[in-house]
Amino acid sequence: VISSKHRLGVDFLCRKSGLTGREAL
């Protein structure tokens, strides 16, 4: 679900964390 980036807050948190273009671990 995190990797799908469907939740705006989690998506932007991933972007700030450098998690773009791949699934989360």
mmCIF file of all heavy atoms, coordinates in Angstrom:
data_MODEL
# 
_entry.id   MODEL 
# 
loop_
_atom_site.group_PDB 
_atom_site.id 
_atom_site.type_symbol 
_atom_site.label_atom_id 
_atom_site.label_alt_id 
_atom_site.label_comp_id 
_atom_site.label_asym_id 
_atom_site.label_entity_id 
_atom_site.label_seq_id 
_atom_site.pdbx_PDB_ins_code 
_atom_site.Cartn_x 
_atom_site.Cartn_y 
_atom_site.Cartn_z 
_atom_site.occupancy 
_atom_site.B_iso_or_equiv 
_atom_site.pdbx_formal_charge 
_atom_site.auth_seq_id 
_atom_site.auth_comp_id 
_atom_site.auth_asym_id 
_atom_site.auth_atom_id 
_atom_site.pdbx_PDB_model_num 
ATOM 1   N N   . VAL A 1 1  ? 0.841  -1.206 0.000  1.00 0.00 ? 1  VAL A N   1 
ATOM 2   C CA  . VAL A 1 1  ? 0.000  0.000  0.000  1.00 0.00 ? 1  VAL A CA  1 
ATOM 3   C C   . VAL A 1 1  ? 0.875  1.254  0.000  1.00 0.00 ? 1  VAL A C   1 
ATOM 4   O O   . VAL A 1 1  ? 0.599  2.224  -0.721 1.00 0.00 ? 1  VAL A O   1 
ATOM 5   C CB  . VAL A 1 1  ? -0.949 -0.009 1.213  1.00 0.00 ? 1  VAL A CB  1 
ATOM 6   C CG1 . VAL A 1 1  ? -1.805 1.260  1.226  1.00 0.00 ? 1  VAL A CG1 1 
ATOM 7   C CG2 . VAL A 1 1  ? -1.850 -1.235 1.173  1.00 0.00 ? 1  VAL A CG2 1 
ATOM 8   N N   . ILE A 1 2  ? 1.940  1.258  0.822  1.00 0.00 ? 2  ILE A N   1 
ATOM 9   C CA  . ILE A 1 2  ? 2.856  2.404  0.834  1.00 0.00 ? 2  ILE A CA  1 
ATOM 10  C C   . ILE A 1 2  ? 3.444  2.609  -0.558 1.00 0.00 ? 2  ILE A C   1 
ATOM 11  O O   . ILE A 1 2  ? 3.518  3.741  -1.058 1.00 0.00 ? 2  ILE A O   1 
ATOM 12  C CB  . ILE A 1 2  ? 3.981  2.196  1.863  1.00 0.00 ? 2  ILE A CB  1 
ATOM 13  C CG1 . ILE A 1 2  ? 3.411  2.254  3.286  1.00 0.00 ? 2  ILE A CG1 1 
ATOM 14  C CG2 . ILE A 1 2  ? 5.073  3.252  1.694  1.00 0.00 ? 2  ILE A CG2 1 
ATOM 15  C CD1 . ILE A 1 2  ? 4.431  1.938  4.370  1.00 0.00 ? 2  ILE A CD1 1 
ATOM 16  N N   . SER A 1 3  ? 3.849  1.524  -1.206 1.00 0.00 ? 3  SER A N   1 
ATOM 17  C CA  . SER A 1 3  ? 4.476  1.611  -2.526 1.00 0.00 ? 3  SER A CA  1 
ATOM 18  C C   . SER A 1 3  ? 3.518  2.116  -3.595 1.00 0.00 ? 3  SER A C   1 
ATOM 19  O O   . SER A 1 3  ? 3.953  2.697  -4.590 1.00 0.00 ? 3  SER A O   1 
ATOM 20  C CB  . SER A 1 3  ? 5.031  0.236  -2.926 1.00 0.00 ? 3  SER A CB  1 
ATOM 21  O OG  . SER A 1 3  ? 6.006  -0.217 -1.998 1.00 0.00 ? 3  SER A OG  1 
ATOM 22  N N   . SER A 1 4  ? 2.226  1.914  -3.391 1.00 0.00 ? 4  SER A N   1 
ATOM 23  C CA  . SER A 1 4  ? 1.236  2.389  -4.367 1.00 0.00 ? 4  SER A CA  1 
ATOM 24  C C   . SER A 1 4  ? 1.076  3.901  -4.340 1.00 0.00 ? 4  SER A C   1 
ATOM 25  O O   . SER A 1 4  ? 0.521  4.494  -5.263 1.00 0.00 ? 4  SER A O   1 
ATOM 26  C CB  . SER A 1 4  ? -0.130 1.736  -4.094 1.00 0.00 ? 4  SER A CB  1 
ATOM 27  O OG  . SER A 1 4  ? -0.723 2.280  -2.920 1.00 0.00 ? 4  SER A OG  1 
ATOM 28  N N   . LYS A 1 5  ? 1.551  4.544  -3.266 1.00 0.00 ? 5  LYS A N   1 
ATOM 29  C CA  . LYS A 1 5  ? 1.517  6.018  -3.107 1.00 0.00 ? 5  LYS A CA  1 
ATOM 30  C C   . LYS A 1 5  ? 0.093  6.569  -3.233 1.00 0.00 ? 5  LYS A C   1 
ATOM 31  O O   . LYS A 1 5  ? -0.113 7.684  -3.699 1.00 0.00 ? 5  LYS A O   1 
ATOM 32  C CB  . LYS A 1 5  ? 2.418  6.684  -4.150 1.00 0.00 ? 5  LYS A CB  1 
ATOM 33  C CG  . LYS A 1 5  ? 3.850  6.164  -4.219 1.00 0.00 ? 5  LYS A CG  1 
ATOM 34  C CD  . LYS A 1 5  ? 4.647  6.469  -2.976 1.00 0.00 ? 5  LYS A CD  1 
ATOM 35  C CE  . LYS A 1 5  ? 6.140  6.313  -3.188 1.00 0.00 ? 5  LYS A CE  1 
ATOM 36  N NZ  . LYS A 1 5  ? 6.564  4.969  -3.606 1.00 0.00 ? 5  LYS A NZ  1 
ATOM 37  N N   . HIS A 1 6  ? -0.881 5.800  -2.793 1.00 0.00 ? 6  HIS A N   1 
ATOM 38  C CA  . HIS A 1 6  ? -2.259 6.265  -2.953 1.00 0.00 ? 6  HIS A CA  1 
ATOM 39  C C   . HIS A 1 6  ? -2.639 7.312  -1.915 1.00 0.00 ? 6  HIS A C   1 
ATOM 40  O O   . HIS A 1 6  ? -3.576 8.080  -2.112 1.00 0.00 ? 6  HIS A O   1 
ATOM 41  C CB  . HIS A 1 6  ? -3.224 5.074  -2.870 1.00 0.00 ? 6  HIS A CB  1 
ATOM 42  C CG  . HIS A 1 6  ? -3.664 4.748  -1.482 1.00 0.00 ? 6  HIS A CG  1 
ATOM 43  N ND1 . HIS A 1 6  ? -4.874 5.138  -0.964 1.00 0.00 ? 6  HIS A ND1 1 
ATOM 44  C CD2 . HIS A 1 6  ? -3.039 4.085  -0.478 1.00 0.00 ? 6  HIS A CD2 1 
ATOM 45  C CE1 . HIS A 1 6  ? -4.979 4.726  0.285  1.00 0.00 ? 6  HIS A CE1 1 
ATOM 46  N NE2 . HIS A 1 6  ? -3.882 4.079  0.607  1.00 0.00 ? 6  HIS A NE2 1 
ATOM 47  N N   . ARG A 1 7  ? -1.908 7.373  -0.804 1.00 0.00 ? 7  ARG A N   1 
ATOM 48  C CA  . ARG A 1 7  ? -2.212 8.347  0.242  1.00 0.00 ? 7  ARG A CA  1 
ATOM 49  C C   . ARG A 1 7  ? -1.278 9.540  0.091  1.00 0.00 ? 7  ARG A C   1 
ATOM 50  O O   . ARG A 1 7  ? -0.057 9.413  0.101  1.00 0.00 ? 7  ARG A O   1 
ATOM 51  C CB  . ARG A 1 7  ? -2.059 7.716  1.625  1.00 0.00 ? 7  ARG A CB  1 
ATOM 52  C CG  . ARG A 1 7  ? -2.729 8.546  2.717  1.00 0.00 ? 7  ARG A CG  1 
ATOM 53  C CD  . ARG A 1 7  ? -2.607 7.850  4.072  1.00 0.00 ? 7  ARG A CD  1 
ATOM 54  N NE  . ARG A 1 7  ? -3.064 6.466  4.050  1.00 0.00 ? 7  ARG A NE  1 
ATOM 55  C CZ  . ARG A 1 7  ? -4.343 6.098  4.074  1.00 0.00 ? 7  ARG A CZ  1 
ATOM 56  N NH1 . ARG A 1 7  ? -5.289 7.010  4.139  1.00 0.00 ? 7  ARG A NH1 1 
ATOM 57  N NH2 . ARG A 1 7  ? -4.662 4.816  4.049  1.00 0.00 ? 7  ARG A NH2 1 
ATOM 58  N N   . LEU A 1 8  ? -1.854 10.714 -0.020 1.00 0.00 ? 8  LEU A N   1 
ATOM 59  C CA  . LEU A 1 8  ? -1.068 11.905 -0.318 1.00 0.00 ? 8  LEU A CA  1 
ATOM 60  C C   . LEU A 1 8  ? 0.040  12.140 0.707  1.00 0.00 ? 8  LEU A C   1 
ATOM 61  O O   . LEU A 1 8  ? 1.183  12.426 0.351  1.00 0.00 ? 8  LEU A O   1 
ATOM 62  C CB  . LEU A 1 8  ? -1.981 13.138 -0.387 1.00 0.00 ? 8  LEU A CB  1 
ATOM 63  C CG  . LEU A 1 8  ? -2.885 13.237 -1.613 1.00 0.00 ? 8  LEU A CG  1 
ATOM 64  C CD1 . LEU A 1 8  ? -3.909 14.358 -1.438 1.00 0.00 ? 8  LEU A CD1 1 
ATOM 65  C CD2 . LEU A 1 8  ? -2.053 13.492 -2.866 1.00 0.00 ? 8  LEU A CD2 1 
ATOM 66  N N   . GLY A 1 9  ? -0.308 12.031 1.989  1.00 0.00 ? 9  GLY A N   1 
ATOM 67  C CA  . GLY A 1 9  ? 0.681  12.291 3.021  1.00 0.00 ? 9  GLY A CA  1 
ATOM 68  C C   . GLY A 1 9  ? 1.850  11.338 2.952  1.00 0.00 ? 9  GLY A C   1 
ATOM 69  O O   . GLY A 1 9  ? 3.018  11.739 3.085  1.00 0.00 ? 9  GLY A O   1 
ATOM 70  N N   . VAL A 1 10 ? 1.556  10.050 2.748  1.00 0.00 ? 10 VAL A N   1 
ATOM 71  C CA  . VAL A 1 10 ? 2.617  9.055  2.653  1.00 0.00 ? 10 VAL A CA  1 
ATOM 72  C C   . VAL A 1 10 ? 3.441  9.275  1.387  1.00 0.00 ? 10 VAL A C   1 
ATOM 73  O O   . VAL A 1 10 ? 4.678  9.130  1.389  1.00 0.00 ? 10 VAL A O   1 
ATOM 74  C CB  . VAL A 1 10 ? 2.022  7.635  2.680  1.00 0.00 ? 10 VAL A CB  1 
ATOM 75  C CG1 . VAL A 1 10 ? 3.105  6.586  2.453  1.00 0.00 ? 10 VAL A CG1 1 
ATOM 76  C CG2 . VAL A 1 10 ? 1.323  7.381  4.008  1.00 0.00 ? 10 VAL A CG2 1 
ATOM 77  N N   . ASP A 1 11 ? 2.784  9.656  0.306  1.00 0.00 ? 11 ASP A N   1 
ATOM 78  C CA  . ASP A 1 11 ? 3.484  9.921  -0.943 1.00 0.00 ? 11 ASP A CA  1 
ATOM 79  C C   . ASP A 1 11 ? 4.515  11.038 -0.775 1.00 0.00 ? 11 ASP A C   1 
ATOM 80  O O   . ASP A 1 11 ? 5.688  10.892 -1.155 1.00 0.00 ? 11 ASP A O   1 
ATOM 81  C CB  . ASP A 1 11 ? 2.473  10.287 -2.023 1.00 0.00 ? 11 ASP A CB  1 
ATOM 82  C CG  . ASP A 1 11 ? 3.137  10.521 -3.380 1.00 0.00 ? 11 ASP A CG  1 
ATOM 83  O OD1 . ASP A 1 11 ? 4.265  10.051 -3.588 1.00 0.00 ? 11 ASP A OD1 1 
ATOM 84  O OD2 . ASP A 1 11 ? 2.528  11.196 -4.223 1.00 0.00 ? 11 ASP A OD2 1 
ATOM 85  N N   . PHE A 1 12 ? 4.106  12.153 -0.181 1.00 0.00 ? 12 PHE A N   1 
ATOM 86  C CA  . PHE A 1 12 ? 5.032  13.265 -0.025 1.00 0.00 ? 12 PHE A CA  1 
ATOM 87  C C   . PHE A 1 12 ? 6.101  12.959 1.032  1.00 0.00 ? 12 PHE A C   1 
ATOM 88  O O   . PHE A 1 12 ? 7.232  13.441 0.932  1.00 0.00 ? 12 PHE A O   1 
ATOM 89  C CB  . PHE A 1 12 ? 4.273  14.545 0.325  1.00 0.00 ? 12 PHE A CB  1 
ATOM 90  C CG  . PHE A 1 12 ? 3.708  15.236 -0.883 1.00 0.00 ? 12 PHE A CG  1 
ATOM 91  C CD1 . PHE A 1 12 ? 2.384  15.041 -1.265 1.00 0.00 ? 12 PHE A CD1 1 
ATOM 92  C CD2 . PHE A 1 12 ? 4.512  16.059 -1.666 1.00 0.00 ? 12 PHE A CD2 1 
ATOM 93  C CE1 . PHE A 1 12 ? 1.868  15.653 -2.390 1.00 0.00 ? 12 PHE A CE1 1 
ATOM 94  C CE2 . PHE A 1 12 ? 4.004  16.679 -2.795 1.00 0.00 ? 12 PHE A CE2 1 
ATOM 95  C CZ  . PHE A 1 12 ? 2.677  16.482 -3.172 1.00 0.00 ? 12 PHE A CZ  1 
ATOM 96  N N   . LEU A 1 13 ? 5.762  12.136 2.016  1.00 0.00 ? 13 LEU A N   1 
ATOM 97  C CA  . LEU A 1 13 ? 6.770  11.704 2.978  1.00 0.00 ? 13 LEU A CA  1 
ATOM 98  C C   . LEU A 1 13 ? 7.826  10.852 2.274  1.00 0.00 ? 13 LEU A C   1 
ATOM 99  O O   . LEU A 1 13 ? 9.032  10.980 2.538  1.00 0.00 ? 13 LEU A O   1 
ATOM 100 C CB  . LEU A 1 13 ? 6.107  10.905 4.108  1.00 0.00 ? 13 LEU A CB  1 
ATOM 101 C CG  . LEU A 1 13 ? 6.976  10.575 5.323  1.00 0.00 ? 13 LEU A CG  1 
ATOM 102 C CD1 . LEU A 1 13 ? 7.336  11.843 6.088  1.00 0.00 ? 13 LEU A CD1 1 
ATOM 103 C CD2 . LEU A 1 13 ? 6.258  9.594  6.242  1.00 0.00 ? 13 LEU A CD2 1 
ATOM 104 N N   . CYS A 1 14 ? 7.389  9.986  1.374  1.00 0.00 ? 14 CYS A N   1 
ATOM 105 C CA  . CYS A 1 14 ? 8.324  9.167  0.595  1.00 0.00 ? 14 CYS A CA  1 
ATOM 106 C C   . CYS A 1 14 ? 9.210  10.048 -0.284 1.00 0.00 ? 14 CYS A C   1 
ATOM 107 O O   . CYS A 1 14 ? 10.416 9.805  -0.423 1.00 0.00 ? 14 CYS A O   1 
ATOM 108 C CB  . CYS A 1 14 ? 7.569  8.160  -0.267 1.00 0.00 ? 14 CYS A CB  1 
ATOM 109 S SG  . CYS A 1 14 ? 6.831  6.780  0.650  1.00 0.00 ? 14 CYS A SG  1 
ATOM 110 N N   . ARG A 1 15 ? 8.627  11.070 -0.873 1.00 0.00 ? 15 ARG A N   1 
ATOM 111 C CA  . ARG A 1 15 ? 9.426  11.956 -1.728 1.00 0.00 ? 15 ARG A CA  1 
ATOM 112 C C   . ARG A 1 15 ? 10.508 12.646 -0.915 1.00 0.00 ? 15 ARG A C   1 
ATOM 113 O O   . ARG A 1 15 ? 11.663 12.749 -1.361 1.00 0.00 ? 15 ARG A O   1 
ATOM 114 C CB  . ARG A 1 15 ? 8.520  13.006 -2.382 1.00 0.00 ? 15 ARG A CB  1 
ATOM 115 C CG  . ARG A 1 15 ? 7.486  12.446 -3.342 1.00 0.00 ? 15 ARG A CG  1 
ATOM 116 C CD  . ARG A 1 15 ? 6.760  13.568 -4.060 1.00 0.00 ? 15 ARG A CD  1 
ATOM 117 N NE  . ARG A 1 15 ? 5.534  13.112 -4.702 1.00 0.00 ? 15 ARG A NE  1 
ATOM 118 C CZ  . ARG A 1 15 ? 4.762  13.871 -5.485 1.00 0.00 ? 15 ARG A CZ  1 
ATOM 119 N NH1 . ARG A 1 15 ? 5.112  15.131 -5.696 1.00 0.00 ? 15 ARG A NH1 1 
ATOM 120 N NH2 . ARG A 1 15 ? 3.659  13.384 -6.019 1.00 0.00 ? 15 ARG A NH2 1 
ATOM 121 N N   . LYS A 1 16 ? 10.164 13.136 0.262  1.00 0.00 ? 16 LYS A N   1 
ATOM 122 C CA  . LYS A 1 16 ? 11.151 13.791 1.115  1.00 0.00 ? 16 LYS A CA  1 
ATOM 123 C C   . LYS A 1 16 ? 12.223 12.813 1.580  1.00 0.00 ? 16 LYS A C   1 
ATOM 124 O O   . LYS A 1 16 ? 13.338 13.208 1.897  1.00 0.00 ? 16 LYS A O   1 
ATOM 125 C CB  . LYS A 1 16 ? 10.457 14.416 2.334  1.00 0.00 ? 16 LYS A CB  1 
ATOM 126 C CG  . LYS A 1 16 ? 9.781  15.744 2.041  1.00 0.00 ? 16 LYS A CG  1 
ATOM 127 C CD  . LYS A 1 16 ? 10.821 16.791 1.660  1.00 0.00 ? 16 LYS A CD  1 
ATOM 128 C CE  . LYS A 1 16 ? 10.196 18.098 1.260  1.00 0.00 ? 16 LYS A CE  1 
ATOM 129 N NZ  . LYS A 1 16 ? 11.224 19.073 0.804  1.00 0.00 ? 16 LYS A NZ  1 
ATOM 130 N N   . SER A 1 17 ? 11.870 11.534 1.606  1.00 0.00 ? 17 SER A N   1 
ATOM 131 C CA  . SER A 1 17 ? 12.802 10.507 2.071  1.00 0.00 ? 17 SER A CA  1 
ATOM 132 C C   . SER A 1 17 ? 13.622 9.909  0.938  1.00 0.00 ? 17 SER A C   1 
ATOM 133 O O   . SER A 1 17 ? 14.412 8.990  1.165  1.00 0.00 ? 17 SER A O   1 
ATOM 134 C CB  . SER A 1 17 ? 12.029 9.391  2.787  1.00 0.00 ? 17 SER A CB  1 
ATOM 135 O OG  . SER A 1 17 ? 11.246 9.903  3.835  1.00 0.00 ? 17 SER A OG  1 
ATOM 136 N N   . GLY A 1 18 ? 13.408 10.390 -0.272 1.00 0.00 ? 18 GLY A N   1 
ATOM 137 C CA  . GLY A 1 18 ? 14.147 9.856  -1.412 1.00 0.00 ? 18 GLY A CA  1 
ATOM 138 C C   . GLY A 1 18 ? 13.612 8.547  -1.929 1.00 0.00 ? 18 GLY A C   1 
ATOM 139 O O   . GLY A 1 18 ? 14.312 7.830  -2.657 1.00 0.00 ? 18 GLY A O   1 
ATOM 140 N N   . LEU A 1 19 ? 12.371 8.215  -1.589 1.00 0.00 ? 19 LEU A N   1 
ATOM 141 C CA  . LEU A 1 19 ? 11.763 6.954  -2.033 1.00 0.00 ? 19 LEU A CA  1 
ATOM 142 C C   . LEU A 1 19 ? 10.862 7.219  -3.228 1.00 0.00 ? 19 LEU A C   1 
ATOM 143 O O   . LEU A 1 19 ? 9.636  7.327  -3.107 1.00 0.00 ? 19 LEU A O   1 
ATOM 144 C CB  . LEU A 1 19 ? 10.942 6.324  -0.907 1.00 0.00 ? 19 LEU A CB  1 
ATOM 145 C CG  . LEU A 1 19 ? 11.712 5.840  0.307  1.00 0.00 ? 19 LEU A CG  1 
ATOM 146 C CD1 . LEU A 1 19 ? 10.756 5.277  1.342  1.00 0.00 ? 19 LEU A CD1 1 
ATOM 147 C CD2 . LEU A 1 19 ? 12.734 4.796  -0.077 1.00 0.00 ? 19 LEU A CD2 1 
ATOM 148 N N   . THR A 1 20 ? 11.455 7.360  -4.390 1.00 0.00 ? 20 THR A N   1 
ATOM 149 C CA  . THR A 1 20 ? 10.686 7.562  -5.612 1.00 0.00 ? 20 THR A CA  1 
ATOM 150 C C   . THR A 1 20 ? 11.139 6.546  -6.647 1.00 0.00 ? 20 THR A C   1 
ATOM 151 O O   . THR A 1 20 ? 12.313 6.171  -6.707 1.00 0.00 ? 20 THR A O   1 
ATOM 152 C CB  . THR A 1 20 ? 10.894 8.986  -6.168 1.00 0.00 ? 20 THR A CB  1 
ATOM 153 O OG1 . THR A 1 20 ? 12.304 9.212  -6.364 1.00 0.00 ? 20 THR A OG1 1 
ATOM 154 C CG2 . THR A 1 20 ? 10.351 10.038 -5.216 1.00 0.00 ? 20 THR A CG2 1 
ATOM 155 N N   . GLY A 1 21 ? 10.190 6.088  -7.429 1.00 0.00 ? 21 GLY A N   1 
ATOM 156 C CA  . GLY A 1 21 ? 10.519 5.180  -8.509 1.00 0.00 ? 21 GLY A CA  1 
ATOM 157 C C   . GLY A 1 21 ? 10.788 3.754  -8.096 1.00 0.00 ? 21 GLY A C   1 
ATOM 158 O O   . GLY A 1 21 ? 11.325 2.969  -8.888 1.00 0.00 ? 21 GLY A O   1 
ATOM 159 N N   . ARG A 1 22 ? 10.449 3.394  -6.861 1.00 0.00 ? 22 ARG A N   1 
ATOM 160 C CA  . ARG A 1 22 ? 10.650 2.008  -6.424 1.00 0.00 ? 22 ARG A CA  1 
ATOM 161 C C   . ARG A 1 22 ? 9.700  1.700  -5.275 1.00 0.00 ? 22 ARG A C   1 
ATOM 162 O O   . ARG A 1 22 ? 9.095  2.599  -4.689 1.00 0.00 ? 22 ARG A O   1 
ATOM 163 C CB  . ARG A 1 22 ? 12.082 1.774  -5.980 1.00 0.00 ? 22 ARG A CB  1 
ATOM 164 C CG  . ARG A 1 22 ? 12.503 2.517  -4.714 1.00 0.00 ? 22 ARG A CG  1 
ATOM 165 C CD  . ARG A 1 22 ? 13.901 2.089  -4.314 1.00 0.00 ? 22 ARG A CD  1 
ATOM 166 N NE  . ARG A 1 22 ? 14.430 2.729  -3.146 1.00 0.00 ? 22 ARG A NE  1 
ATOM 167 C CZ  . ARG A 1 22 ? 14.248 2.316  -1.880 1.00 0.00 ? 22 ARG A CZ  1 
ATOM 168 N NH1 . ARG A 1 22 ? 13.496 1.245  -1.649 1.00 0.00 ? 22 ARG A NH1 1 
ATOM 169 N NH2 . ARG A 1 22 ? 14.794 2.946  -0.864 1.00 0.00 ? 22 ARG A NH2 1 
ATOM 170 N N   . GLU A 1 23 ? 9.581  0.395  -4.963 1.00 0.00 ? 23 GLU A N   1 
ATOM 171 C CA  . GLU A 1 23 ? 8.732  -0.001 -3.847 1.00 0.00 ? 23 GLU A CA  1 
ATOM 172 C C   . GLU A 1 23 ? 9.421  0.275  -2.523 1.00 0.00 ? 23 GLU A C   1 
ATOM 173 O O   . GLU A 1 23 ? 10.645 0.388  -2.451 1.00 0.00 ? 23 GLU A O   1 
ATOM 174 C CB  . GLU A 1 23 ? 8.343  -1.474 -3.954 1.00 0.00 ? 23 GLU A CB  1 
ATOM 175 C CG  . GLU A 1 23 ? 9.454  -2.454 -3.658 1.00 0.00 ? 23 GLU A CG  1 
ATOM 176 C CD  . GLU A 1 23 ? 10.208 -2.903 -4.889 1.00 0.00 ? 23 GLU A CD  1 
ATOM 177 O OE1 . GLU A 1 23 ? 10.318 -2.099 -5.846 1.00 0.00 ? 23 GLU A OE1 1 
ATOM 178 O OE2 . GLU A 1 23 ? 10.708 -4.039 -4.898 1.00 0.00 ? 23 GLU A OE2 1 
ATOM 179 N N   . ALA A 1 24 ? 8.629  0.376  -1.481 1.00 0.00 ? 24 ALA A N   1 
ATOM 180 C CA  . ALA A 1 24 ? 9.154  0.620  -0.139 1.00 0.00 ? 24 ALA A CA  1 
ATOM 181 C C   . ALA A 1 24 ? 9.487  -0.704 0.539  1.00 0.00 ? 24 ALA A C   1 
ATOM 182 O O   . ALA A 1 24 ? 8.807  -1.717 0.334  1.00 0.00 ? 24 ALA A O   1 
ATOM 183 C CB  . ALA A 1 24 ? 8.137  1.385  0.699  1.00 0.00 ? 24 ALA A CB  1 
ATOM 184 N N   . LEU A 1 25 ? 10.549 -0.689 1.347  1.00 0.00 ? 25 LEU A N   1 
ATOM 185 C CA  . LEU A 1 25 ? 10.954 -1.842 2.132  1.00 0.00 ? 25 LEU A CA  1 
ATOM 186 C C   . LEU A 1 25 ? 10.816 -1.514 3.615  1.00 0.00 ? 25 LEU A C   1 
ATOM 187 O O   . LEU A 1 25 ? 10.712 -0.346 3.994  1.00 0.00 ? 25 LEU A O   1 
ATOM 188 C CB  . LEU A 1 25 ? 12.409 -2.219 1.814  1.00 0.00 ? 25 LEU A CB  1 
ATOM 189 C CG  . LEU A 1 25 ? 12.744 -2.492 0.348  1.00 0.00 ? 25 LEU A CG  1 
ATOM 190 C CD1 . LEU A 1 25 ? 14.242 -2.727 0.188  1.00 0.00 ? 25 LEU A CD1 1 
ATOM 191 C CD2 . LEU A 1 25 ? 11.962 -3.683 -0.171 1.00 0.00 ? 25 LEU A CD2 1 
# 
